[in-house]
Amino acid sequence: MINQENIELMFDVLDESAIILYEKYKTPYLEGLIKTCENIISNSVEIDDEDIKAELFGKIKKVSSINFQKEEIRKAFQFACLRGYKHTGISNQMITPETLGIFINYLISKLYVKDSLNILDPIVGTGNLVTCIANNLNKKVNLIGVEKDVLSYQLSSAIFDLLGYGDKVFCQDAMSFRSPLMDLIVGDFSGVEEELVYSLLKYNGVNIAEGGFLIGIFDEEIVNDKILIKYAQDISSVWKLFGLLKLPKGILKTQNKSIVIFQRNGDLVIQPKKFLLVDLPEFSNKEDMKVVIGQLNDWFQNIEFYKLGEKLT
């Protein structure tokens, strides 16, 4: 059970520490946030000024003895990132809403039978989407993130470390990154231009095992029928288009988006007889969501497809 007081406490420590660093050293808020995460992990403060050092250590001491749940830490960090983006005038659309992470978790539970998953996010941003997924999966996870923007890389590295997912965020272009074969690729491809989106899709076939899925959030104009047909031949050597779920307009206000599922080609992969196509209602509309989840459950139960890790007879 998530403790709201723990979220507020962790946020206060992150926020107040970042503000102290800004007021004393003019350190930008987000850089101060990253430094505060480092202080919490090491349970120490490396600053020459003894008064400021003591003040900052007093802040992190408030959280050093508390056994936080991972989601409490992630939520607090997300709120601090949002505040930092507001300070710098950067759009908060760079942070994927956690509602989508929770829903993608549901999809993963239907697509995989493995007890553990190796997950790659090739455009990890601040790390909010992939850590939300990992925190809520009832599976062991190994995460890898890739991000070429230095500040976003530092932020995602900080939350990976805070949550105990290790030092597995890489600062480089996703088009040059090679990983061990992963089970699942997730990513928020919002705002990525058309040609690059499909280049990323095709390239990342080298990073995933046969039968593994890529679950991505895409601008609707990038995955409409006309564009999908345009790139179908180019990506068909790597992926089968498995499903498309149109997101409600209210969840991401700037542009219509969809969750698209691709499955990596392989000898065991089965093309579903019925394409998974759904218009999702507002997530806050519990009655409509209940109906749609029932329809999805029925689809997954009655349509044959290959699940990575399943034992074949």
C-alpha atoms as a PDB file:
ATOM      1  CA  MET A   1       0.000   0.000   0.000  1.00  0.00           C
ATOM      2  CA  ILE A   2       1.453   3.339  -1.059  1.00  0.00           C
ATOM      3  CA  ASN A   3       1.949   5.755   1.837  1.00  0.00           C
ATOM      4  CA  GLN A   4       1.156   9.310   0.685  1.00  0.00           C
ATOM      5  CA  GLU A   5       3.058  10.760   3.650  1.00  0.00           C
ATOM      6  CA  ASN A   6       6.196   8.968   2.499  1.00  0.00           C
ATOM      7  CA  ILE A   7       5.801  10.422  -0.992  1.00  0.00           C
ATOM      8  CA  GLU A   8       5.408  13.918   0.444  1.00  0.00           C
ATOM      9  CA  LEU A   9       8.397  13.463   2.768  1.00  0.00           C
ATOM     10  CA  MET A  10      10.679  12.268  -0.018  1.00  0.00           C
ATOM     11  CA  PHE A  11       9.493  15.068  -2.309  1.00  0.00           C
ATOM     12  CA  ASP A  12      10.118  17.678   0.385  1.00  0.00           C
ATOM     13  CA  VAL A  13      13.673  16.426   0.889  1.00  0.00           C
ATOM     14  CA  LEU A  14      14.385  16.401  -2.846  1.00  0.00           C
ATOM     15  CA  ASP A  15      12.741  19.775  -3.423  1.00  0.00           C
ATOM     16  CA  GLU A  16      14.133  21.628  -0.410  1.00  0.00           C
ATOM     17  CA  SER A  17      17.652  20.325  -1.003  1.00  0.00           C
ATOM     18  CA  ALA A  18      17.565  21.365  -4.659  1.00  0.00           C
ATOM     19  CA  ILE A  19      16.355  24.835  -3.641  1.00  0.00           C
ATOM     20  CA  ILE A  20      19.180  25.185  -1.089  1.00  0.00           C
ATOM     21  CA  LEU A  21      21.730  24.334  -3.775  1.00  0.00           C
ATOM     22  CA  TYR A  22      20.144  26.886  -6.098  1.00  0.00           C
ATOM     23  CA  GLU A  23      20.046  29.643  -3.489  1.00  0.00           C
ATOM     24  CA  LYS A  24      23.599  29.052  -2.275  1.00  0.00           C
ATOM     25  CA  TYR A  25      25.390  28.105  -5.490  1.00  0.00           C
ATOM     26  CA  LYS A  26      22.928  28.988  -8.287  1.00  0.00           C
ATOM     27  CA  THR A  27      22.857  25.306  -9.212  1.00  0.00           C
ATOM     28  CA  PRO A  28      19.911  24.769 -11.607  1.00  0.00           C
ATOM     29  CA  TYR A  29      17.018  22.986  -9.887  1.00  0.00           C
ATOM     30  CA  LEU A  30      17.246  19.752 -11.887  1.00  0.00           C
ATOM     31  CA  GLU A  31      21.002  19.538 -11.380  1.00  0.00           C
ATOM     32  CA  GLY A  32      20.407  20.085  -7.677  1.00  0.00           C
ATOM     33  CA  LEU A  33      17.860  17.274  -7.761  1.00  0.00           C
ATOM     34  CA  ILE A  34      20.440  14.937  -9.295  1.00  0.00           C
ATOM     35  CA  LYS A  35      23.006  15.941  -6.663  1.00  0.00           C
ATOM     36  CA  THR A  36      20.473  15.330  -3.890  1.00  0.00           C
ATOM     37  CA  CYS A  37      19.816  11.816  -5.198  1.00  0.00           C
ATOM     38  CA  GLU A  38      23.561  11.165  -5.073  1.00  0.00           C
ATOM     39  CA  ASN A  39      23.637  12.443  -1.484  1.00  0.00           C
ATOM     40  CA  ILE A  40      20.753  10.164  -0.468  1.00  0.00           C
ATOM     41  CA  ILE A  41      22.382   7.114  -2.057  1.00  0.00           C
ATOM     42  CA  SER A  42      25.754   7.770  -0.384  1.00  0.00           C
ATOM     43  CA  ASN A  43      24.163   9.117   2.831  1.00  0.00           C
ATOM     44  CA  SER A  44      26.718  11.902   2.757  1.00  0.00           C
ATOM     45  CA  VAL A  45      27.203  15.436   1.459  1.00  0.00           C
ATOM     46  CA  GLU A  46      30.425  16.544  -0.220  1.00  0.00           C
ATOM     47  CA  ILE A  47      30.475  20.338   0.150  1.00  0.00           C
ATOM     48  CA  ASP A  48      33.215  22.533   1.627  1.00  0.00           C
ATOM     49  CA  ASP A  49      30.890  24.964   3.427  1.00  0.00           C
ATOM     50  CA  GLU A  50      30.225  23.246   6.759  1.00  0.00           C
ATOM     51  CA  ASP A  51      26.973  25.117   7.454  1.00  0.00           C
ATOM     52  CA  ILE A  52      25.420  24.206   4.108  1.00  0.00           C
ATOM     53  CA  LYS A  53      26.794  20.697   4.422  1.00  0.00           C
ATOM     54  CA  ALA A  54      25.077  20.281   7.776  1.00  0.00           C
ATOM     55  CA  GLU A  55      21.827  21.739   6.444  1.00  0.00           C
ATOM     56  CA  LEU A  56      21.757  19.373   3.466  1.00  0.00           C
ATOM     57  CA  PHE A  57      22.740  16.378   5.579  1.00  0.00           C
ATOM     58  CA  GLY A  58      19.892  17.200   7.937  1.00  0.00           C
ATOM     59  CA  LYS A  59      17.521  16.968   4.985  1.00  0.00           C
ATOM     60  CA  ILE A  60      18.681  13.561   3.728  1.00  0.00           C
ATOM     61  CA  LYS A  61      18.800  12.247   7.299  1.00  0.00           C
ATOM     62  CA  LYS A  62      15.000  12.546   7.356  1.00  0.00           C
ATOM     63  CA  VAL A  63      14.703   9.758   4.777  1.00  0.00           C
ATOM     64  CA  SER A  64      17.772   7.636   5.527  1.00  0.00           C
ATOM     65  CA  SER A  65      16.057   5.349   8.048  1.00  0.00           C
ATOM     66  CA  ILE A  66      12.740   4.907   6.217  1.00  0.00           C
ATOM     67  CA  ASN A  67      12.065   1.811   4.126  1.00  0.00           C
ATOM     68  CA  PHE A  68      10.352   3.456   1.167  1.00  0.00           C
ATOM     69  CA  GLN A  69       8.432   1.485  -1.429  1.00  0.00           C
ATOM     70  CA  LYS A  70       9.815   1.946  -4.922  1.00  0.00           C
ATOM     71  CA  GLU A  71       6.635   3.610  -6.147  1.00  0.00           C
ATOM     72  CA  GLU A  72       6.803   6.157  -3.313  1.00  0.00           C
ATOM     73  CA  ILE A  73      10.301   7.132  -4.433  1.00  0.00           C
ATOM     74  CA  ARG A  74       9.385   7.233  -8.105  1.00  0.00           C
ATOM     75  CA  LYS A  75       6.321   9.385  -7.532  1.00  0.00           C
ATOM     76  CA  ALA A  76       8.246  11.856  -5.364  1.00  0.00           C
ATOM     77  CA  PHE A  77      11.028  12.048  -7.952  1.00  0.00           C
ATOM     78  CA  GLN A  78       8.482  12.580 -10.743  1.00  0.00           C
ATOM     79  CA  PHE A  79       6.865  15.472  -8.861  1.00  0.00           C
ATOM     80  CA  ALA A  80      10.303  17.027  -8.345  1.00  0.00           C
ATOM     81  CA  CYS A  81      11.107  16.636 -12.063  1.00  0.00           C
ATOM     82  CA  LEU A  82       7.811  18.303 -12.966  1.00  0.00           C
ATOM     83  CA  ARG A  83       8.647  21.200 -10.681  1.00  0.00           C
ATOM     84  CA  GLY A  84      12.105  21.448 -12.201  1.00  0.00           C
ATOM     85  CA  TYR A  85      10.714  21.495 -15.720  1.00  0.00           C
ATOM     86  CA  LYS A  86       8.287  24.229 -14.707  1.00  0.00           C
ATOM     87  CA  HIS A  87      11.216  26.279 -13.349  1.00  0.00           C
ATOM     88  CA  THR A  88      13.136  25.934 -16.613  1.00  0.00           C
ATOM     89  CA  GLY A  89      10.169  26.302 -18.972  1.00  0.00           C
ATOM     90  CA  ILE A  90      10.577  22.793 -20.397  1.00  0.00           C
ATOM     91  CA  SER A  91       7.358  21.010 -21.349  1.00  0.00           C
ATOM     92  CA  ASN A  92       6.259  18.395 -18.835  1.00  0.00           C
ATOM     93  CA  GLN A  93       5.212  16.255 -21.823  1.00  0.00           C
ATOM     94  CA  MET A  94       8.710  14.814 -21.543  1.00  0.00           C
ATOM     95  CA  ILE A  95       7.432  12.808 -18.560  1.00  0.00           C
ATOM     96  CA  THR A  96       5.075   9.992 -19.553  1.00  0.00           C
ATOM     97  CA  PRO A  97       1.933   9.864 -17.379  1.00  0.00           C
ATOM     98  CA  GLU A  98       2.084   6.959 -14.939  1.00  0.00           C
ATOM     99  CA  THR A  99      -1.427   5.858 -15.939  1.00  0.00           C
ATOM    100  CA  LEU A 100       0.083   4.633 -19.193  1.00  0.00           C
ATOM    101  CA  GLY A 101       2.768   2.712 -17.357  1.00  0.00           C
ATOM    102  CA  ILE A 102       0.117   0.944 -15.280  1.00  0.00           C
ATOM    103  CA  PHE A 103      -1.907   0.062 -18.374  1.00  0.00           C
ATOM    104  CA  ILE A 104       1.173  -1.189 -20.227  1.00  0.00           C
ATOM    105  CA  ASN A 105       1.780  -3.432 -17.199  1.00  0.00           C
ATOM    106  CA  TYR A 106      -1.603  -4.991 -17.815  1.00  0.00           C
ATOM    107  CA  LEU A 107      -0.652  -5.666 -21.439  1.00  0.00           C
ATOM    108  CA  ILE A 108       2.668  -7.212 -20.389  1.00  0.00           C
ATOM    109  CA  SER A 109       0.841  -9.566 -18.014  1.00  0.00           C
ATOM    110  CA  LYS A 110      -1.162 -10.839 -21.000  1.00  0.00           C
ATOM    111  CA  LEU A 111       1.755 -11.048 -23.447  1.00  0.00           C
ATOM    112  CA  TYR A 112       4.385 -12.809 -21.321  1.00  0.00           C
ATOM    113  CA  VAL A 113       4.538 -15.958 -19.233  1.00  0.00           C
ATOM    114  CA  LYS A 114       8.155 -15.501 -18.104  1.00  0.00           C
ATOM    115  CA  ASP A 115       8.871 -14.995 -14.397  1.00  0.00           C
ATOM    116  CA  SER A 116      11.583 -12.447 -15.164  1.00  0.00           C
ATOM    117  CA  LEU A 117      11.987  -9.879 -17.915  1.00  0.00           C
ATOM    118  CA  ASN A 118      14.922  -8.011 -19.402  1.00  0.00           C
ATOM    119  CA  ILE A 119      13.478  -4.654 -20.458  1.00  0.00           C
ATOM    120  CA  LEU A 120      15.032  -2.010 -22.694  1.00  0.00           C
ATOM    121  CA  ASP A 121      13.827   1.575 -23.050  1.00  0.00           C
ATOM    122  CA  PRO A 122      15.812   3.014 -25.992  1.00  0.00           C
ATOM    123  CA  ILE A 123      14.549   6.576 -25.394  1.00  0.00           C
ATOM    124  CA  VAL A 124      14.341   6.477 -21.616  1.00  0.00           C
ATOM    125  CA  GLY A 125      14.023  10.223 -20.953  1.00  0.00           C
ATOM    126  CA  THR A 126      13.732  10.795 -17.195  1.00  0.00           C
ATOM    127  CA  GLY A 127      13.064   7.089 -16.644  1.00  0.00           C
ATOM    128  CA  ASN A 128       9.492   7.536 -15.452  1.00  0.00           C
ATOM    129  CA  LEU A 129       7.795   5.109 -17.859  1.00  0.00           C
ATOM    130  CA  VAL A 130      10.152   2.156 -17.539  1.00  0.00           C
ATOM    131  CA  THR A 131      10.526   2.455 -13.748  1.00  0.00           C
ATOM    132  CA  CYS A 132       6.747   2.742 -13.331  1.00  0.00           C
ATOM    133  CA  ILE A 133       6.389  -0.465 -15.332  1.00  0.00           C
ATOM    134  CA  ALA A 134       9.152  -2.229 -13.417  1.00  0.00           C
ATOM    135  CA  ASN A 135       7.856  -1.176  -9.997  1.00  0.00           C
ATOM    136  CA  ASN A 136       4.392  -2.558 -10.710  1.00  0.00           C
ATOM    137  CA  LEU A 137       5.314  -5.794 -12.466  1.00  0.00           C
ATOM    138  CA  ASN A 138       4.967  -8.969 -10.473  1.00  0.00           C
ATOM    139  CA  LYS A 139       8.187 -10.218 -12.036  1.00  0.00           C
ATOM    140  CA  LYS A 140      11.912  -9.909 -11.572  1.00  0.00           C
ATOM    141  CA  VAL A 141      13.224  -7.228 -13.891  1.00  0.00           C
ATOM    142  CA  ASN A 142      16.507  -6.157 -15.378  1.00  0.00           C
ATOM    143  CA  LEU A 143      16.353  -2.663 -16.877  1.00  0.00           C
ATOM    144  CA  ILE A 144      18.467  -0.897 -19.479  1.00  0.00           C
ATOM    145  CA  GLY A 145      17.862   2.681 -20.582  1.00  0.00           C
ATOM    146  CA  VAL A 146      19.363   4.725 -23.421  1.00  0.00           C
ATOM    147  CA  GLU A 147      19.208   8.522 -23.616  1.00  0.00           C
ATOM    148  CA  LYS A 148      21.290  10.950 -25.677  1.00  0.00           C
ATOM    149  CA  ASP A 149      20.185  14.157 -23.906  1.00  0.00           C
ATOM    150  CA  VAL A 150      22.697  14.648 -21.099  1.00  0.00           C
ATOM    151  CA  LEU A 151      20.322  16.151 -18.512  1.00  0.00           C
ATOM    152  CA  SER A 152      17.640  13.500 -19.103  1.00  0.00           C
ATOM    153  CA  TYR A 153      20.348  10.833 -18.943  1.00  0.00           C
ATOM    154  CA  GLN A 154      21.489  12.155 -15.563  1.00  0.00           C
ATOM    155  CA  LEU A 155      17.912  12.237 -14.252  1.00  0.00           C
ATOM    156  CA  SER A 156      17.129   8.701 -15.388  1.00  0.00           C
ATOM    157  CA  SER A 157      20.441   7.483 -13.957  1.00  0.00           C
ATOM    158  CA  ALA A 158      19.520   9.087 -10.640  1.00  0.00           C
ATOM    159  CA  ILE A 159      16.121   7.382 -10.401  1.00  0.00           C
ATOM    160  CA  PHE A 160      17.573   4.033 -11.526  1.00  0.00           C
ATOM    161  CA  ASP A 161      20.102   4.299  -8.692  1.00  0.00           C
ATOM    162  CA  LEU A 162      17.544   5.431  -6.108  1.00  0.00           C
ATOM    163  CA  LEU A 163      15.299   2.495  -6.968  1.00  0.00           C
ATOM    164  CA  GLY A 164      18.109  -0.050  -6.988  1.00  0.00           C
ATOM    165  CA  TYR A 165      17.959  -0.851 -10.707  1.00  0.00           C
ATOM    166  CA  GLY A 166      21.683  -0.289 -11.041  1.00  0.00           C
ATOM    167  CA  ASP A 167      23.921   1.760 -13.266  1.00  0.00           C
ATOM    168  CA  LYS A 168      22.365   0.689 -16.559  1.00  0.00           C
ATOM    169  CA  VAL A 169      21.482   3.940 -18.283  1.00  0.00           C
ATOM    170  CA  PHE A 170      23.691   4.773 -21.258  1.00  0.00           C
ATOM    171  CA  CYS A 171      24.256   8.237 -22.665  1.00  0.00           C
ATOM    172  CA  GLN A 172      24.267   7.643 -26.399  1.00  0.00           C
ATOM    173  CA  ASP A 173      22.135   7.665 -29.510  1.00  0.00           C
ATOM    174  CA  ALA A 174      19.632   4.803 -29.575  1.00  0.00           C
ATOM    175  CA  MET A 175      20.544   4.147 -33.217  1.00  0.00           C
ATOM    176  CA  SER A 176      24.040   3.057 -32.173  1.00  0.00           C
ATOM    177  CA  PHE A 177      23.195   1.109 -29.023  1.00  0.00           C
ATOM    178  CA  ARG A 178      23.561  -2.659 -28.917  1.00  0.00           C
ATOM    179  CA  SER A 179      22.358  -4.598 -25.884  1.00  0.00           C
ATOM    180  CA  PRO A 180      22.216  -8.247 -24.940  1.00  0.00           C
ATOM    181  CA  LEU A 181      19.025  -9.763 -26.349  1.00  0.00           C
ATOM    182  CA  MET A 182      16.141  -8.315 -24.343  1.00  0.00           C
ATOM    183  CA  ASP A 183      12.685  -9.787 -23.738  1.00  0.00           C
ATOM    184  CA  LEU A 184      10.759  -6.535 -24.035  1.00  0.00           C
ATOM    185  CA  ILE A 185      11.240  -3.044 -25.422  1.00  0.00           C
ATOM    186  CA  VAL A 186       9.125  -0.177 -24.110  1.00  0.00           C
ATOM    187  CA  GLY A 187       9.288   3.497 -24.941  1.00  0.00           C
ATOM    188  CA  ASP A 188       7.470   6.771 -25.339  1.00  0.00           C
ATOM    189  CA  PHE A 189       8.142   7.769 -28.936  1.00  0.00           C
ATOM    190  CA  SER A 190       5.986  10.904 -28.694  1.00  0.00           C
ATOM    191  CA  GLY A 191       7.406  13.837 -30.588  1.00  0.00           C
ATOM    192  CA  VAL A 192       9.872  11.720 -32.564  1.00  0.00           C
ATOM    193  CA  GLU A 193       9.698  12.486 -36.273  1.00  0.00           C
ATOM    194  CA  GLU A 194       8.209   9.912 -38.619  1.00  0.00           C
ATOM    195  CA  GLU A 195      11.340   8.685 -40.393  1.00  0.00           C
ATOM    196  CA  LEU A 196      13.325   8.364 -37.161  1.00  0.00           C
ATOM    197  CA  VAL A 197      10.504   6.456 -35.432  1.00  0.00           C
ATOM    198  CA  TYR A 198      10.552   3.737 -38.072  1.00  0.00           C
ATOM    199  CA  SER A 199      14.347   3.719 -38.205  1.00  0.00           C
ATOM    200  CA  LEU A 200      14.371   3.133 -34.438  1.00  0.00           C
ATOM    201  CA  LEU A 201      11.815   0.360 -34.797  1.00  0.00           C
ATOM    202  CA  LYS A 202      13.793  -1.420 -37.471  1.00  0.00           C
ATOM    203  CA  TYR A 203      17.148  -0.980 -35.755  1.00  0.00           C
ATOM    204  CA  ASN A 204      15.978  -2.217 -32.364  1.00  0.00           C
ATOM    205  CA  GLY A 205      15.152  -5.607 -33.802  1.00  0.00           C
ATOM    206  CA  VAL A 206      18.804  -6.431 -33.066  1.00  0.00           C
ATOM    207  CA  ASN A 207      18.216  -5.817 -29.361  1.00  0.00           C
ATOM    208  CA  ILE A 208      15.313  -8.187 -28.725  1.00  0.00           C
ATOM    209  CA  ALA A 209      14.794 -11.928 -28.734  1.00  0.00           C
ATOM    210  CA  GLU A 210      12.568 -13.552 -31.345  1.00  0.00           C
ATOM    211  CA  GLY A 211       8.975 -13.439 -30.121  1.00  0.00           C
ATOM    212  CA  GLY A 212       9.627 -10.478 -27.833  1.00  0.00           C
ATOM    213  CA  PHE A 213       7.339  -7.465 -27.953  1.00  0.00           C
ATOM    214  CA  LEU A 214       7.885  -3.751 -28.427  1.00  0.00           C
ATOM    215  CA  ILE A 215       5.194  -1.693 -26.697  1.00  0.00           C
ATOM    216  CA  GLY A 216       5.404   1.969 -27.561  1.00  0.00           C
ATOM    217  CA  ILE A 217       3.471   5.197 -27.186  1.00  0.00           C
ATOM    218  CA  PHE A 218       3.305   7.000 -30.530  1.00  0.00           C
ATOM    219  CA  ASP A 219       1.766  10.162 -31.947  1.00  0.00           C
ATOM    220  CA  GLU A 220      -1.352   9.035 -33.779  1.00  0.00           C
ATOM    221  CA  GLU A 221      -0.286  10.749 -36.999  1.00  0.00           C
ATOM    222  CA  ILE A 222       2.842   8.546 -37.032  1.00  0.00           C
ATOM    223  CA  VAL A 223       0.899   5.267 -36.800  1.00  0.00           C
ATOM    224  CA  ASN A 224      -2.199   5.964 -38.889  1.00  0.00           C
ATOM    225  CA  ASP A 225      -3.126   3.507 -41.646  1.00  0.00           C
ATOM    226  CA  LYS A 226      -1.442   5.482 -44.406  1.00  0.00           C
ATOM    227  CA  ILE A 227       1.907   5.754 -42.590  1.00  0.00           C
ATOM    228  CA  LEU A 228       1.880   2.139 -41.392  1.00  0.00           C
ATOM    229  CA  ILE A 229       1.321   0.959 -44.967  1.00  0.00           C
ATOM    230  CA  LYS A 230       4.135   3.229 -46.149  1.00  0.00           C
ATOM    231  CA  TYR A 231       6.666   1.551 -43.825  1.00  0.00           C
ATOM    232  CA  ALA A 232       5.110  -1.933 -43.688  1.00  0.00           C
ATOM    233  CA  GLN A 233       7.511  -3.556 -46.132  1.00  0.00           C
ATOM    234  CA  ASP A 234      10.557  -1.932 -44.531  1.00  0.00           C
ATOM    235  CA  ILE A 235       9.840  -3.157 -41.002  1.00  0.00           C
ATOM    236  CA  SER A 236       8.104  -6.454 -41.872  1.00  0.00           C
ATOM    237  CA  SER A 237      11.470  -8.218 -42.008  1.00  0.00           C
ATOM    238  CA  VAL A 238      11.849  -7.449 -38.308  1.00  0.00           C
ATOM    239  CA  TRP A 239       8.387  -6.976 -36.773  1.00  0.00           C
ATOM    240  CA  LYS A 240       4.814  -8.111 -37.051  1.00  0.00           C
ATOM    241  CA  LEU A 241       2.246  -5.459 -36.183  1.00  0.00           C
ATOM    242  CA  PHE A 242       0.343  -7.033 -33.288  1.00  0.00           C
ATOM    243  CA  GLY A 243      -2.033  -4.411 -31.937  1.00  0.00           C
ATOM    244  CA  LEU A 244      -3.036  -0.773 -31.789  1.00  0.00           C
ATOM    245  CA  LEU A 245      -4.866   0.831 -28.885  1.00  0.00           C
ATOM    246  CA  LYS A 246      -5.981   4.421 -29.383  1.00  0.00           C
ATOM    247  CA  LEU A 247      -5.581   6.484 -26.226  1.00  0.00           C
ATOM    248  CA  PRO A 248      -8.314   8.819 -24.968  1.00  0.00           C
ATOM    249  CA  LYS A 249      -7.825  12.465 -25.887  1.00  0.00           C
ATOM    250  CA  GLY A 250      -7.810  13.615 -22.272  1.00  0.00           C
ATOM    251  CA  ILE A 251      -4.731  11.702 -21.130  1.00  0.00           C
ATOM    252  CA  LEU A 252      -2.224  13.606 -23.285  1.00  0.00           C
ATOM    253  CA  LYS A 253      -3.636  17.014 -24.083  1.00  0.00           C
ATOM    254  CA  THR A 254      -1.249  18.179 -26.772  1.00  0.00           C
ATOM    255  CA  GLN A 255      -1.788  15.482 -29.390  1.00  0.00           C
ATOM    256  CA  ASN A 256      -3.701  12.255 -30.020  1.00  0.00           C
ATOM    257  CA  LYS A 257      -1.640   9.173 -29.274  1.00  0.00           C
ATOM    258  CA  SER A 258      -1.812   5.407 -29.471  1.00  0.00           C
ATOM    259  CA  ILE A 259      -0.150   2.436 -27.830  1.00  0.00           C
ATOM    260  CA  VAL A 260       1.192   0.204 -30.589  1.00  0.00           C
ATOM    261  CA  ILE A 261       2.424  -3.350 -30.045  1.00  0.00           C
ATOM    262  CA  PHE A 262       4.913  -5.049 -32.379  1.00  0.00           C
ATOM    263  CA  GLN A 263       6.205  -8.611 -32.060  1.00  0.00           C
ATOM    264  CA  ARG A 264       9.689  -9.599 -33.157  1.00  0.00           C
ATOM    265  CA  ASN A 265       9.621 -12.072 -36.032  1.00  0.00           C
ATOM    266  CA  GLY A 266      10.733 -15.635 -35.366  1.00  0.00           C
ATOM    267  CA  ASP A 267      10.062 -19.268 -36.254  1.00  0.00           C
ATOM    268  CA  LEU A 268       7.659 -19.719 -33.323  1.00  0.00           C
ATOM    269  CA  VAL A 269       5.756 -16.478 -33.821  1.00  0.00           C
ATOM    270  CA  ILE A 270       2.099 -16.859 -34.806  1.00  0.00           C
ATOM    271  CA  GLN A 271       0.252 -14.106 -36.645  1.00  0.00           C
ATOM    272  CA  PRO A 272      -3.009 -13.571 -34.687  1.00  0.00           C
ATOM    273  CA  LYS A 273      -6.099 -14.272 -36.786  1.00  0.00           C
ATOM    274  CA  LYS A 274      -7.672 -11.114 -35.390  1.00  0.00           C
ATOM    275  CA  PHE A 275      -5.724  -7.870 -35.049  1.00  0.00           C
ATOM    276  CA  LEU A 276      -5.876  -6.263 -31.599  1.00  0.00           C
ATOM    277  CA  LEU A 277      -7.585  -2.917 -32.254  1.00  0.00           C
ATOM    278  CA  VAL A 278      -9.197  -0.949 -29.436  1.00  0.00           C
ATOM    279  CA  ASP A 279     -10.341   2.605 -28.740  1.00  0.00           C
ATOM    280  CA  LEU A 280      -9.635   3.149 -25.058  1.00  0.00           C
ATOM    281  CA  PRO A 281     -12.041   5.287 -23.012  1.00  0.00           C
ATOM    282  CA  GLU A 282     -10.922   7.829 -20.428  1.00  0.00           C
ATOM    283  CA  PHE A 283      -9.095   5.905 -17.720  1.00  0.00           C
ATOM    284  CA  SER A 284     -11.154   7.744 -15.087  1.00  0.00           C
ATOM    285  CA  ASN A 285     -14.368   6.297 -16.569  1.00  0.00           C
ATOM    286  CA  LYS A 286     -14.425   3.088 -14.527  1.00  0.00           C
ATOM    287  CA  GLU A 287     -17.537   1.599 -16.111  1.00  0.00           C
ATOM    288  CA  ASP A 288     -16.344   2.029 -19.689  1.00  0.00           C
ATOM    289  CA  MET A 289     -12.851   0.807 -18.748  1.00  0.00           C
ATOM    290  CA  LYS A 290     -14.359  -2.284 -17.133  1.00  0.00           C
ATOM    291  CA  VAL A 291     -16.129  -3.102 -20.387  1.00  0.00           C
ATOM    292  CA  VAL A 292     -12.984  -2.600 -22.480  1.00  0.00           C
ATOM    293  CA  ILE A 293     -10.812  -4.638 -20.115  1.00  0.00           C
ATOM    294  CA  GLY A 294     -13.393  -7.417 -20.402  1.00  0.00           C
ATOM    295  CA  GLN A 295     -13.111  -7.251 -24.199  1.00  0.00           C
ATOM    296  CA  LEU A 296      -9.310  -7.308 -24.000  1.00  0.00           C
ATOM    297  CA  ASN A 297      -9.335 -10.261 -21.602  1.00  0.00           C
ATOM    298  CA  ASP A 298     -11.582 -12.117 -24.022  1.00  0.00           C
ATOM    299  CA  TRP A 299      -9.256 -11.334 -26.952  1.00  0.00           C
ATOM    300  CA  PHE A 300      -6.156 -12.546 -25.106  1.00  0.00           C
ATOM    301  CA  GLN A 301      -7.925 -15.688 -23.940  1.00  0.00           C
ATOM    302  CA  ASN A 302      -9.296 -16.723 -27.325  1.00  0.00           C
ATOM    303  CA  ILE A 303      -6.716 -15.549 -29.861  1.00  0.00           C
ATOM    304  CA  GLU A 304      -3.682 -17.741 -30.435  1.00  0.00           C
ATOM    305  CA  PHE A 305      -0.258 -16.062 -30.402  1.00  0.00           C
ATOM    306  CA  TYR A 306       3.231 -16.905 -29.206  1.00  0.00           C
ATOM    307  CA  LYS A 307       4.208 -15.801 -25.703  1.00  0.00           C
ATOM    308  CA  LEU A 308       7.937 -15.579 -25.075  1.00  0.00           C
ATOM    309  CA  GLY A 309       8.895 -18.200 -22.525  1.00  0.00           C
ATOM    310  CA  GLU A 310       5.904 -20.475 -22.923  1.00  0.00           C
ATOM    311  CA  LYS A 311       6.500 -24.228 -23.072  1.00  0.00           C
ATOM    312  CA  LEU A 312       5.419 -25.730 -26.361  1.00  0.00           C
ATOM    313  CA  THR A 313       4.058 -29.270 -26.547  1.00  0.00           C
END
